[in-house]
C-alpha atoms as a PDB file:
ATOM      1  CA  MET A   1      26.648 -29.158  -5.167  1.00  0.00           C
ATOM      2  CA  ARG A   2      25.627 -28.587  -1.537  1.00  0.00           C
ATOM      3  CA  ASN A   3      29.167 -27.622  -0.483  1.00  0.00           C
ATOM      4  CA  ALA A   4      29.313 -25.046  -3.263  1.00  0.00           C
ATOM      5  CA  ILE A   5      26.054 -23.534  -2.049  1.00  0.00           C
ATOM      6  CA  GLU A   6      27.228 -23.466   1.566  1.00  0.00           C
ATOM      7  CA  ARG A   7      30.513 -21.844   0.543  1.00  0.00           C
ATOM      8  CA  GLY A   8      28.591 -19.279  -1.486  1.00  0.00           C
ATOM      9  CA  LEU A   9      26.403 -18.471   1.507  1.00  0.00           C
ATOM     10  CA  ALA A  10      29.332 -18.195   3.883  1.00  0.00           C
ATOM     11  CA  GLU A  11      31.543 -15.975   1.716  1.00  0.00           C
ATOM     12  CA  GLU A  12      31.247 -12.210   1.761  1.00  0.00           C
ATOM     13  CA  LYS A  13      30.712 -11.043  -1.766  1.00  0.00           C
ATOM     14  CA  PRO A  14      32.320  -7.741  -2.699  1.00  0.00           C
ATOM     15  CA  LEU A  15      30.589  -4.958  -4.554  1.00  0.00           C
ATOM     16  CA  ARG A  16      30.569  -5.295  -8.315  1.00  0.00           C
ATOM     17  CA  ARG A  17      32.193  -2.452 -10.192  1.00  0.00           C
ATOM     18  CA  GLN A  18      31.165  -0.729 -13.390  1.00  0.00           C
ATOM     19  CA  LYS A  19      33.672  -0.060 -16.145  1.00  0.00           C
ATOM     20  CA  GLY A  20      34.048   3.534 -14.947  1.00  0.00           C
ATOM     21  CA  GLY A  21      34.966   2.283 -11.467  1.00  0.00           C
ATOM     22  CA  GLY A  22      31.622   3.042  -9.776  1.00  0.00           C
ATOM     23  CA  LYS A  23      29.950   0.524  -7.506  1.00  0.00           C
ATOM     24  CA  VAL A  24      26.810  -1.142  -8.878  1.00  0.00           C
ATOM     25  CA  ALA A  25      25.264  -3.100  -6.027  1.00  0.00           C
ATOM     26  CA  GLU A  26      26.048  -5.491  -3.219  1.00  0.00           C
ATOM     27  CA  ALA A  27      25.752  -9.179  -3.991  1.00  0.00           C
ATOM     28  CA  MET A  28      22.748 -10.863  -2.374  1.00  0.00           C
ATOM     29  CA  ASP A  29      23.463 -12.362   1.057  1.00  0.00           C
ATOM     30  CA  TYR A  30      21.067 -15.324   1.041  1.00  0.00           C
ATOM     31  CA  ARG A  31      21.833 -16.352   4.605  1.00  0.00           C
ATOM     32  CA  LEU A  32      20.882 -12.868   5.822  1.00  0.00           C
ATOM     33  CA  LEU A  33      17.793 -12.930   3.597  1.00  0.00           C
ATOM     34  CA  LEU A  34      16.638 -16.235   5.094  1.00  0.00           C
ATOM     35  CA  SER A  35      17.370 -15.271   8.705  1.00  0.00           C
ATOM     36  CA  THR A  36      15.579 -11.934   8.237  1.00  0.00           C
ATOM     37  CA  PHE A  37      12.562 -13.666   6.724  1.00  0.00           C
ATOM     38  CA  VAL A  38      12.355 -16.216   9.548  1.00  0.00           C
ATOM     39  CA  ALA A  39      12.825 -13.618  12.302  1.00  0.00           C
ATOM     40  CA  ILE A  40      10.197 -11.236  10.920  1.00  0.00           C
ATOM     41  CA  PHE A  41       7.771 -14.026   9.999  1.00  0.00           C
ATOM     42  CA  VAL A  42       7.886 -15.532  13.495  1.00  0.00           C
ATOM     43  CA  ALA A  43       7.676 -12.100  15.142  1.00  0.00           C
ATOM     44  CA  GLU A  44       4.617 -11.174  13.073  1.00  0.00           C
ATOM     45  CA  LEU A  45       2.654 -14.375  13.808  1.00  0.00           C
ATOM     46  CA  GLY A  46      -0.283 -13.516  16.018  1.00  0.00           C
ATOM     47  CA  ASP A  47       0.737  -9.901  16.589  1.00  0.00           C
ATOM     48  CA  LYS A  48      -1.673  -6.994  16.384  1.00  0.00           C
ATOM     49  CA  THR A  49      -0.846  -6.352  12.707  1.00  0.00           C
ATOM     50  CA  GLN A  50      -1.896  -9.865  11.755  1.00  0.00           C
ATOM     51  CA  LEU A  51      -4.989  -9.668  13.942  1.00  0.00           C
ATOM     52  CA  ALA A  52      -5.950  -6.308  12.398  1.00  0.00           C
ATOM     53  CA  THR A  53      -5.534  -7.780   8.917  1.00  0.00           C
ATOM     54  CA  LEU A  54      -7.638 -10.785   9.908  1.00  0.00           C
ATOM     55  CA  SER A  55     -10.330  -8.467  11.263  1.00  0.00           C
ATOM     56  CA  LEU A  56     -10.323  -6.271   8.155  1.00  0.00           C
ATOM     57  CA  THR A  57     -10.582  -9.328   5.918  1.00  0.00           C
ATOM     58  CA  ALA A  58     -13.484 -10.776   7.899  1.00  0.00           C
ATOM     59  CA  GLY A  59     -15.453  -7.542   7.518  1.00  0.00           C
ATOM     60  CA  SER A  60     -14.658  -6.988   3.846  1.00  0.00           C
ATOM     61  CA  ALA A  61     -15.828  -8.336   0.534  1.00  0.00           C
ATOM     62  CA  SER A  62     -12.443  -7.736  -1.099  1.00  0.00           C
ATOM     63  CA  ARG A  63      -9.680  -9.898   0.340  1.00  0.00           C
ATOM     64  CA  LEU A  64      -7.319  -8.696  -2.390  1.00  0.00           C
ATOM     65  CA  SER A  65      -7.686  -5.058  -1.291  1.00  0.00           C
ATOM     66  CA  VAL A  66      -6.926  -5.978   2.327  1.00  0.00           C
ATOM     67  CA  PHE A  67      -3.956  -8.108   1.273  1.00  0.00           C
ATOM     68  CA  LEU A  68      -2.483  -5.407  -0.944  1.00  0.00           C
ATOM     69  CA  GLY A  69      -3.079  -2.684   1.661  1.00  0.00           C
ATOM     70  CA  SER A  70      -1.502  -4.674   4.466  1.00  0.00           C
ATOM     71  CA  ALA A  71       1.402  -5.816   2.276  1.00  0.00           C
ATOM     72  CA  LEU A  72       2.096  -2.231   1.197  1.00  0.00           C
ATOM     73  CA  ALA A  73       1.978  -1.067   4.825  1.00  0.00           C
ATOM     74  CA  LEU A  74       4.442  -3.782   5.912  1.00  0.00           C
ATOM     75  CA  VAL A  75       6.793  -3.062   3.017  1.00  0.00           C
ATOM     76  CA  THR A  76       6.684   0.678   3.781  1.00  0.00           C
ATOM     77  CA  SER A  77       7.341   0.203   7.497  1.00  0.00           C
ATOM     78  CA  SER A  78      10.181  -2.215   6.682  1.00  0.00           C
ATOM     79  CA  ALA A  79      11.703   0.305   4.254  1.00  0.00           C
ATOM     80  CA  ILE A  80      11.599   2.980   6.953  1.00  0.00           C
ATOM     81  CA  ALA A  81      13.276   0.578   9.407  1.00  0.00           C
ATOM     82  CA  VAL A  82      16.012  -0.308   6.897  1.00  0.00           C
ATOM     83  CA  LEU A  83      16.721   3.347   6.122  1.00  0.00           C
ATOM     84  CA  ALA A  84      16.708   4.264   9.811  1.00  0.00           C
ATOM     85  CA  GLY A  85      18.971   1.300  10.599  1.00  0.00           C
ATOM     86  CA  ASP A  86      21.403   2.397   7.916  1.00  0.00           C
ATOM     87  CA  MET A  87      21.507   5.927   9.317  1.00  0.00           C
ATOM     88  CA  VAL A  88      21.920   4.753  12.920  1.00  0.00           C
ATOM     89  CA  ALA A  89      24.702   2.342  11.889  1.00  0.00           C
ATOM     90  CA  ARG A  90      26.738   5.325  10.689  1.00  0.00           C
ATOM     91  CA  TRP A  91      27.099   6.555  14.292  1.00  0.00           C
ATOM     92  CA  ILE A  92      26.646   3.389  16.357  1.00  0.00           C
ATOM     93  CA  SER A  93      28.404   0.091  15.702  1.00  0.00           C
ATOM     94  CA  PRO A  94      26.146  -2.822  14.676  1.00  0.00           C
ATOM     95  CA  ARG A  95      27.314  -4.798  17.725  1.00  0.00           C
ATOM     96  CA  THR A  96      26.279  -2.008  20.110  1.00  0.00           C
ATOM     97  CA  LEU A  97      22.969  -1.672  18.290  1.00  0.00           C
ATOM     98  CA  GLN A  98      22.340  -5.424  18.664  1.00  0.00           C
ATOM     99  CA  ARG A  99      23.091  -5.252  22.375  1.00  0.00           C
ATOM    100  CA  VAL A 100      20.797  -2.267  22.907  1.00  0.00           C
ATOM    101  CA  ALA A 101      18.003  -3.976  20.944  1.00  0.00           C
ATOM    102  CA  GLY A 102      18.515  -7.155  22.994  1.00  0.00           C
ATOM    103  CA  VAL A 103      18.279  -5.263  26.267  1.00  0.00           C
ATOM    104  CA  VAL A 104      15.123  -3.462  25.069  1.00  0.00           C
ATOM    105  CA  PHE A 105      13.504  -6.757  24.058  1.00  0.00           C
ATOM    106  CA  LEU A 106      14.450  -8.375  27.361  1.00  0.00           C
ATOM    107  CA  GLY A 107      13.057  -5.378  29.226  1.00  0.00           C
ATOM    108  CA  LEU A 108       9.787  -5.502  27.299  1.00  0.00           C
ATOM    109  CA  GLY A 109       9.561  -9.251  27.855  1.00  0.00           C
ATOM    110  CA  ALA A 110      10.073  -8.826  31.599  1.00  0.00           C
ATOM    111  CA  LEU A 111       7.505  -6.034  31.657  1.00  0.00           C
ATOM    112  CA  TYR A 112       4.934  -8.231  29.933  1.00  0.00           C
ATOM    113  CA  LEU A 113       5.707 -11.249  32.105  1.00  0.00           C
ATOM    114  CA  PHE A 114       5.875  -9.549  35.488  1.00  0.00           C
ATOM    115  CA  GLY A 115       3.861  -6.378  34.944  1.00  0.00           C
ATOM    116  CA  ARG A 116       0.504  -5.757  36.529  1.00  0.00           C
ATOM    117  CA  ASN A 117      -2.392  -7.561  34.860  1.00  0.00           C
ATOM    118  CA  GLU A 118      -5.086  -5.051  34.089  1.00  0.00           C
END
C-alpha cells in the first residue's frame, strides 16, 4: 500500500479531459500540497500576522470573528500570490524565479542579522 502511495505522489498526473476534448482540471499534487503547507506554516509561526491575530483575540470577546477575519485575509493574500506567481511564470522560468527568491531571502536574512540594531 505504501509503495502505491509513494508512486502516486511521485508521478506527474496529466490533465483530465472532457468528452469534447476540453481540459477539466489538474490532478492534485499531494507532495506539493504538503510541502506548501509546511513551508507556509513554519514561515507564519511567530510572524507579525500571528502576533496581530493574537493581539486582536486578546482584546476581543469574539474569537470566531477574529479567526474568520484572519483566515479570510490569509486566504485572500495567498490567492493574490498564486495568481501573481502564475502571471510571472509566463515570462520568467520557475527555476529563475526560485533563484531570485532565494537571493532576496538571503539578502533579507543578512540584513536582519548584520544590520544596525535600533
